[in-house]
N, C-alpha and C. Protein backbone atom coordinates (compact mmCIF):
# COMPACT_ATOMS: atom_id res chain seq x y z
N UNK A 1 63.90 5.42 -29.95
CA UNK A 1 62.79 5.16 -28.74
C UNK A 1 63.47 4.64 -28.01
N UNK A 2 64.41 4.36 -27.79
CA UNK A 2 65.08 3.86 -26.53
C UNK A 2 65.72 5.38 -25.56
N UNK A 3 65.73 5.92 -26.72
CA UNK A 3 66.47 7.54 -25.87
C UNK A 3 65.12 8.33 -24.89
N UNK A 4 64.10 7.77 -25.75
CA UNK A 4 63.14 8.88 -25.15
C UNK A 4 62.73 8.01 -24.09
N UNK A 5 63.00 6.66 -23.58
CA UNK A 5 62.38 5.98 -22.35
C UNK A 5 63.53 6.32 -21.16
N UNK A 6 64.60 6.48 -21.50
CA UNK A 6 65.76 6.72 -21.35
C UNK A 6 65.59 7.95 -20.37
N UNK A 7 65.31 8.94 -21.41
CA UNK A 7 65.46 10.33 -20.83
C UNK A 7 64.31 10.76 -19.60
N UNK A 8 63.21 9.75 -19.58
CA UNK A 8 62.66 10.05 -18.66
C UNK A 8 62.82 10.18 -16.88
N UNK A 9 62.73 8.62 -16.96
CA UNK A 9 63.60 8.23 -15.51
C UNK A 9 64.51 7.88 -15.35
N UNK A 10 65.58 7.97 -16.51
CA UNK A 10 66.80 7.69 -16.45
C UNK A 10 67.13 5.87 -16.07
N UNK A 11 66.08 5.27 -15.81
CA UNK A 11 66.67 3.71 -15.69
C UNK A 11 65.93 3.29 -16.51
N UNK A 12 65.54 3.76 -17.60
CA UNK A 12 65.01 2.60 -18.94
C UNK A 12 63.98 2.73 -18.96
N UNK A 13 62.97 2.19 -18.25
CA UNK A 13 61.60 2.06 -18.66
C UNK A 13 60.88 1.78 -16.96
N UNK A 14 61.68 1.42 -16.12
CA UNK A 14 60.98 0.99 -14.76
C UNK A 14 60.19 2.12 -14.31
N UNK A 15 60.16 3.17 -14.40
CA UNK A 15 59.53 4.29 -13.94
C UNK A 15 58.01 4.39 -14.20
N UNK A 16 58.11 4.02 -15.82
CA UNK A 16 56.92 4.01 -16.47
C UNK A 16 56.11 2.68 -15.99
N UNK A 17 57.08 1.68 -16.13
CA UNK A 17 56.09 0.42 -15.65
C UNK A 17 55.66 0.28 -14.09
N UNK A 18 56.34 1.07 -13.48
CA UNK A 18 55.88 0.84 -11.99
C UNK A 18 54.90 2.05 -11.53
N UNK A 19 54.77 3.29 -12.52
CA UNK A 19 53.35 3.72 -12.60
C UNK A 19 52.09 3.30 -13.57
N UNK A 20 52.86 2.10 -14.74
CA UNK A 20 51.59 1.72 -15.08
C UNK A 20 51.03 0.77 -14.25
N UNK A 21 51.88 0.06 -13.71
CA UNK A 21 50.80 -1.37 -12.47
C UNK A 21 50.57 -0.43 -11.41
N UNK A 22 50.75 0.54 -11.15
CA UNK A 22 50.30 1.31 -9.71
C UNK A 22 48.87 1.88 -10.09
N UNK A 23 48.95 2.32 -11.66
CA UNK A 23 47.66 2.65 -11.81
C UNK A 23 46.63 1.72 -12.29
N UNK A 24 46.77 0.51 -12.67
CA UNK A 24 46.14 -0.54 -13.12
C UNK A 24 45.59 -1.10 -11.90
N UNK A 25 46.42 -1.04 -10.91
CA UNK A 25 45.88 -1.67 -9.29
C UNK A 25 44.75 -0.65 -9.12
N UNK A 26 45.23 0.74 -8.91
CA UNK A 26 44.42 1.66 -8.43
C UNK A 26 42.41 1.43 -9.55
N UNK A 27 42.82 1.60 -10.94
CA UNK A 27 42.02 1.27 -11.64
C UNK A 27 41.25 0.34 -10.86
N UNK A 28 41.78 -0.88 -11.19
CA UNK A 28 40.99 -1.88 -10.69
C UNK A 28 40.41 -1.70 -9.23
N UNK A 29 41.00 -1.40 -8.44
CA UNK A 29 40.24 -0.92 -7.21
C UNK A 29 39.14 -0.25 -7.11
N UNK A 30 39.29 1.04 -8.12
CA UNK A 30 38.38 1.69 -8.76
C UNK A 30 37.00 1.33 -9.23
N UNK A 31 37.59 0.01 -9.95
CA UNK A 31 36.65 -0.78 -10.49
C UNK A 31 35.75 -1.31 -9.93
N UNK A 32 35.92 -2.13 -8.62
CA UNK A 32 35.85 -3.01 -7.86
C UNK A 32 34.89 -1.91 -6.67
N UNK A 33 35.29 -0.73 -6.66
CA UNK A 33 34.50 0.55 -6.17
C UNK A 33 33.12 0.61 -7.07
N UNK A 34 32.93 0.51 -7.91
CA UNK A 34 32.55 1.13 -8.78
C UNK A 34 31.28 -0.06 -8.44
N UNK A 35 31.70 -1.19 -8.78
CA UNK A 35 30.82 -2.53 -8.61
C UNK A 35 30.08 -2.86 -7.51
N UNK A 36 31.24 -2.47 -6.19
CA UNK A 36 30.43 -2.32 -5.20
C UNK A 36 28.99 -1.25 -4.89
N UNK A 37 29.51 -0.05 -5.32
CA UNK A 37 28.63 0.75 -5.67
C UNK A 37 27.15 0.45 -6.05
N UNK A 38 27.60 0.15 -7.51
CA UNK A 38 26.21 -0.36 -8.04
C UNK A 38 25.67 -1.46 -7.38
N UNK A 39 26.22 -2.32 -6.72
CA UNK A 39 25.48 -3.32 -5.82
C UNK A 39 24.44 -2.25 -4.92
N UNK A 40 25.69 -1.94 -3.76
CA UNK A 40 24.31 -0.86 -3.22
C UNK A 40 23.11 -0.22 -3.85
N UNK A 41 23.68 0.63 -5.10
CA UNK A 41 22.77 1.18 -5.62
C UNK A 41 21.41 0.51 -5.85
N UNK A 42 21.87 -0.97 -6.64
CA UNK A 42 20.81 -1.74 -6.83
C UNK A 42 19.83 -2.29 -5.25
N UNK A 43 21.08 -2.69 -4.48
CA UNK A 43 20.17 -3.20 -3.13
C UNK A 43 18.88 -1.87 -2.65
N UNK A 44 19.44 -0.63 -2.44
CA UNK A 44 18.36 0.55 -2.39
C UNK A 44 17.78 0.50 -3.29
N UNK A 45 17.38 0.29 -4.32
CA UNK A 45 16.24 0.47 -5.60
C UNK A 45 15.50 -0.83 -5.10
N UNK A 46 15.78 -2.02 -4.93
CA UNK A 46 15.14 -2.99 -4.57
C UNK A 46 14.30 -2.87 -3.56
N UNK A 47 14.66 -2.33 -2.28
CA UNK A 47 14.20 -2.13 -0.57
C UNK A 47 13.26 -1.26 -1.39
N UNK A 48 13.66 -0.02 -1.96
CA UNK A 48 12.73 1.11 -2.23
C UNK A 48 11.59 0.88 -3.06
N UNK A 49 11.63 -0.57 -4.06
CA UNK A 49 10.43 -0.78 -4.99
C UNK A 49 9.65 -1.92 -3.59
N UNK A 50 10.30 -2.41 -2.73
CA UNK A 50 9.49 -3.20 -1.85
C UNK A 50 9.09 -2.41 -0.56
N UNK A 51 9.60 -1.30 -0.63
CA UNK A 51 8.64 -0.45 0.58
C UNK A 51 7.56 0.38 -0.41
N UNK A 52 7.76 0.37 -1.60
CA UNK A 52 6.71 1.27 -2.51
C UNK A 52 5.56 0.37 -3.02
N UNK A 53 5.77 -0.85 -2.79
CA UNK A 53 4.87 -1.65 -3.21
C UNK A 53 3.83 -1.98 -1.83
N UNK A 54 4.51 -2.35 -0.72
CA UNK A 54 3.91 -2.26 0.53
C UNK A 54 2.95 -0.95 0.81
N UNK A 55 3.95 0.37 0.44
CA UNK A 55 2.82 1.79 1.22
C UNK A 55 1.47 1.56 -0.24
N UNK A 56 2.03 1.16 -0.98
CA UNK A 56 0.33 0.76 -2.34
C UNK A 56 -0.40 -0.28 -1.64
N UNK A 57 -0.03 -1.28 -1.12
CA UNK A 57 -0.83 -2.15 -0.45
C UNK A 57 -1.49 -1.33 0.83
N UNK A 58 -0.86 -0.93 1.70
CA UNK A 58 -1.74 0.25 2.71
C UNK A 58 -2.53 1.03 2.33
N UNK A 59 -2.33 1.70 1.27
CA UNK A 59 -3.08 3.11 0.86
C UNK A 59 -3.92 2.22 0.17
N UNK A 60 -4.45 0.96 -0.32
CA UNK A 60 -5.28 0.61 -1.24
C UNK A 60 -6.35 0.06 0.05
N UNK A 61 -5.54 -0.52 1.10
CA UNK A 61 -6.38 -1.14 2.40
C UNK A 61 -7.06 -0.05 3.08
N UNK A 62 -6.47 1.12 3.23
CA UNK A 62 -7.23 2.17 3.34
C UNK A 62 -8.22 3.01 2.85
N UNK A 63 -8.10 2.88 1.57
CA UNK A 63 -9.37 3.31 0.50
C UNK A 63 -10.66 2.69 0.90
N UNK A 64 -10.32 0.90 0.57
CA UNK A 64 -11.16 -0.08 0.72
C UNK A 64 -11.39 0.07 2.19
N UNK A 65 -10.92 0.37 3.24
CA UNK A 65 -11.65 1.12 4.54
C UNK A 65 -12.48 1.77 4.67
N UNK A 66 -11.94 2.81 4.05
CA UNK A 66 -12.43 4.40 3.92
C UNK A 66 -14.15 3.92 3.44
N UNK A 67 -14.08 3.36 2.22
CA UNK A 67 -15.08 2.76 1.41
C UNK A 67 -16.14 2.14 1.94
N UNK A 68 -15.77 1.36 2.56
CA UNK A 68 -16.72 0.36 3.50
C UNK A 68 -17.53 1.22 4.66
N UNK A 69 -16.65 1.90 5.62
CA UNK A 69 -16.93 3.04 6.77
C UNK A 69 -18.02 4.25 5.87
N UNK A 70 -17.98 4.40 4.93
CA UNK A 70 -18.90 5.38 4.28
C UNK A 70 -20.21 4.43 3.65
N UNK A 71 -20.25 3.32 3.12
CA UNK A 71 -21.25 3.03 3.15
C UNK A 71 -21.93 2.38 4.58
N UNK A 72 -21.27 2.19 5.28
CA UNK A 72 -21.95 1.73 7.21
C UNK A 72 -22.61 2.98 7.42
N UNK A 73 -21.58 4.46 7.16
CA UNK A 73 -22.54 5.67 7.76
C UNK A 73 -23.77 5.98 6.87
N UNK A 74 -23.49 5.45 5.80
CA UNK A 74 -25.22 5.97 5.10
C UNK A 74 -26.04 5.00 5.58
N UNK A 75 -25.92 3.54 5.73
CA UNK A 75 -26.64 2.70 6.30
C UNK A 75 -26.98 2.75 7.92
N UNK A 76 -26.11 3.55 8.23
CA UNK A 76 -26.70 3.94 9.59
C UNK A 76 -27.50 4.88 9.89
N UNK A 77 -27.33 6.09 8.80
CA UNK A 77 -28.17 7.29 8.89
C UNK A 77 -29.80 6.99 8.61
N UNK A 78 -29.45 5.79 7.10
CA UNK A 78 -31.10 5.60 7.01
C UNK A 78 -31.80 4.89 8.11
N UNK A 79 -30.71 3.92 8.38
CA UNK A 79 -31.50 3.28 9.99
C UNK A 79 -32.01 4.39 11.06
N UNK A 80 -31.17 5.12 11.06
CA UNK A 80 -31.75 5.97 12.34
C UNK A 80 -32.76 7.40 11.66
N UNK A 81 -33.01 7.54 10.57
CA UNK A 81 -33.77 8.02 9.94
C UNK A 81 -35.71 7.65 9.99
N UNK A 82 -35.19 6.23 9.77
CA UNK A 82 -36.24 5.52 10.04
C UNK A 82 -36.93 5.16 11.35
N UNK A 83 -36.02 5.07 12.27
CA UNK A 83 -36.39 4.97 13.74
C UNK A 83 -36.61 6.16 14.12
N UNK A 84 -36.02 7.66 13.55
CA UNK A 84 -36.58 8.85 14.32
C UNK A 84 -37.84 8.92 13.96
N UNK A 85 -38.30 8.64 12.85
CA UNK A 85 -39.72 8.48 12.02
C UNK A 85 -41.12 7.39 12.92
N UNK A 86 -40.30 6.44 13.30
CA UNK A 86 -41.43 5.65 14.17
C UNK A 86 -41.26 6.23 15.66
N UNK A 87 -40.04 6.52 15.95
CA UNK A 87 -40.16 7.46 17.36
C UNK A 87 -41.53 8.13 17.39
N UNK A 88 -41.33 9.39 16.67
CA UNK A 88 -42.36 10.62 15.94
C UNK A 88 -44.01 9.77 16.08
N UNK A 89 -44.02 8.72 15.60
CA UNK A 89 -45.12 8.06 15.33
C UNK A 89 -45.67 7.74 16.69
N UNK A 90 -44.61 7.00 17.47
CA UNK A 90 -44.80 6.54 18.86
C UNK A 90 -45.29 7.71 19.96
N UNK A 91 -44.22 8.88 19.47
CA UNK A 91 -44.76 9.95 20.41
C UNK A 91 -46.06 10.62 20.38
N UNK A 92 -46.91 10.70 18.95
CA UNK A 92 -48.12 11.23 18.53
C UNK A 92 -49.20 10.13 19.25
N UNK A 93 -48.37 8.89 19.20
CA UNK A 93 -49.93 7.90 19.54
C UNK A 93 -49.31 8.33 21.25
N UNK A 94 -48.80 8.19 22.09
CA UNK A 94 -48.66 8.15 23.23
C UNK A 94 -49.57 9.65 23.72
N UNK A 95 -48.96 10.94 23.15
CA UNK A 95 -49.98 12.10 23.46
C UNK A 95 -51.15 11.73 23.19
N UNK A 96 -52.12 11.35 22.23
CA UNK A 96 -53.26 10.84 22.15
C UNK A 96 -53.47 10.39 23.49
N UNK A 97 -53.06 8.99 23.53
CA UNK A 97 -53.40 8.42 24.85
C UNK A 97 -53.58 9.16 26.23
N UNK A 98 -52.53 9.76 26.14
CA UNK A 98 -52.22 10.97 27.41
C UNK A 98 -53.57 11.96 27.70
N UNK A 99 -54.14 12.52 26.06
CA UNK A 99 -55.02 13.41 25.96
C UNK A 99 -56.13 12.64 26.53
N UNK A 100 -56.35 11.51 25.91
CA UNK A 100 -57.62 10.79 26.27
C UNK A 100 -57.78 10.47 28.03
N UNK A 101 -56.67 10.06 28.36
CA UNK A 101 -56.43 10.06 30.46
C UNK A 101 -56.96 11.27 30.53
N UNK A 102 -56.06 12.30 30.33
CA UNK A 102 -56.42 13.77 30.89
C UNK A 102 -58.27 13.93 30.78
N UNK A 103 -58.22 13.72 29.60
CA UNK A 103 -60.25 13.83 29.30
C UNK A 103 -61.06 12.99 30.23
N UNK A 104 -60.63 11.78 30.47
CA UNK A 104 -61.56 10.83 31.23
C UNK A 104 -61.21 11.67 32.56
N UNK A 105 -60.17 11.65 33.35
CA UNK A 105 -59.86 12.22 34.71
C UNK A 105 -60.69 13.60 35.06
N UNK A 106 -61.00 14.55 33.73
CA UNK A 106 -61.54 15.81 33.60
C UNK A 106 -62.96 15.44 33.64
N UNK A 107 -63.41 14.65 33.28
CA UNK A 107 -65.04 14.65 33.08
C UNK A 107 -65.40 14.05 34.57
N UNK A 108 -64.59 13.27 35.34
CA UNK A 108 -64.64 13.05 36.33
C UNK A 108 -65.82 11.52 36.23
N UNK A 109 -65.92 10.56 35.58
CA UNK A 109 -65.84 9.50 35.09
C UNK A 109 -66.06 8.40 35.93
N UNK A 110 -64.97 8.72 36.83
CA UNK A 110 -65.19 7.37 37.89
C UNK A 110 -63.44 6.71 37.50
N UNK A 111 -63.26 5.91 38.70
CA UNK A 111 -61.59 5.22 38.18
C UNK A 111 -61.97 4.41 37.56
N UNK A 112 -63.52 3.45 37.35
CA UNK A 112 -63.39 2.17 36.45
C UNK A 112 -63.20 2.03 35.12
N UNK A 113 -63.69 3.43 34.43
CA UNK A 113 -63.01 3.71 32.91
C UNK A 113 -61.24 3.37 33.21
N UNK A 114 -60.74 4.38 34.16
CA UNK A 114 -59.66 4.56 34.14
C UNK A 114 -59.07 3.37 34.32
N UNK A 115 -58.95 2.69 35.06
CA UNK A 115 -58.29 1.25 35.43
C UNK A 115 -58.51 0.21 34.49
N UNK A 116 -59.74 0.40 33.31
CA UNK A 116 -59.94 -0.52 32.30
C UNK A 116 -59.08 -0.06 31.18
N UNK A 117 -59.42 1.17 31.02
CA UNK A 117 -58.13 1.79 30.28
C UNK A 117 -56.18 1.40 30.53
N UNK A 118 -55.99 1.45 31.75
CA UNK A 118 -54.73 0.93 32.30
C UNK A 118 -54.53 -0.09 32.19
N UNK A 119 -56.02 -0.59 32.55
CA UNK A 119 -55.52 -2.62 32.25
C UNK A 119 -55.53 -3.60 30.99
N UNK A 120 -56.10 -2.61 29.95
CA UNK A 120 -55.74 -2.98 28.56
C UNK A 120 -54.22 -2.52 27.73
N UNK A 121 -54.06 -1.39 28.55
CA UNK A 121 -52.68 -1.05 28.08
C UNK A 121 -51.69 -1.74 28.28
N UNK A 122 -51.77 -2.44 29.67
CA UNK A 122 -50.96 -3.21 30.10
C UNK A 122 -50.86 -4.38 29.35
N UNK A 123 -52.05 -5.25 29.62
CA UNK A 123 -52.32 -6.26 28.52
C UNK A 123 -51.74 -5.93 27.31
N UNK A 124 -51.92 -5.04 26.67
CA UNK A 124 -51.31 -4.97 25.30
C UNK A 124 -50.25 -5.01 25.51
N UNK A 125 -49.58 -3.76 26.11
CA UNK A 125 -48.02 -4.05 26.19
C UNK A 125 -47.06 -5.36 26.48
N UNK A 126 -47.83 -6.33 27.21
CA UNK A 126 -47.46 -7.79 27.49
C UNK A 126 -47.61 -8.85 26.54
N UNK A 127 -48.62 -8.46 25.63
CA UNK A 127 -49.03 -9.39 24.35
C UNK A 127 -47.86 -9.15 23.24
N UNK A 128 -47.33 -7.61 23.14
CA UNK A 128 -46.40 -7.27 22.41
C UNK A 128 -45.35 -7.63 22.47
N UNK A 129 -45.06 -7.53 23.93
CA UNK A 129 -43.53 -8.04 24.54
C UNK A 129 -43.53 -9.49 23.95
N UNK A 130 -44.44 -10.55 24.44
CA UNK A 130 -44.18 -11.86 24.17
C UNK A 130 -43.89 -12.09 22.65
N UNK A 131 -44.94 -11.76 21.73
CA UNK A 131 -45.04 -11.99 20.44
C UNK A 131 -43.42 -11.18 19.89
N UNK A 132 -42.94 -9.92 20.34
CA UNK A 132 -41.31 -9.76 19.79
C UNK A 132 -40.47 -10.47 20.63
N UNK A 133 -40.76 -11.25 21.49
CA UNK A 133 -39.13 -12.10 22.04
C UNK A 133 -39.37 -13.08 21.64
N UNK A 134 -40.30 -13.63 21.02
CA UNK A 134 -40.42 -15.43 20.72
C UNK A 134 -39.77 -14.84 18.95
């Protein structure tokens, strides 16, 4: 066995030992590099998980906001429809009043009935105004 060792490097076994130790320090350095690489991968995964959770919470917030906006739009549309029907009724009422005034003026019944009607309308308007203000 000694002959095999001596034949390799000519120095007995020092060549094998130096290569062996050189390899072990390189392997140790590579092992440390792998550990550092594993730590970096772990850190990136943790950061990725944190960012994913943050993104999920923001997406959930946007979903809830969109749902709330949808409900508000529906409520607003219902309110606008009811206001629109109220305006239509008011318009027909005003049109009837204007027709009545036009008939009175056309008949030539004088200014007294017209003044009475305008006075009553102003009085009704003021009464309604004060009722709804309080």
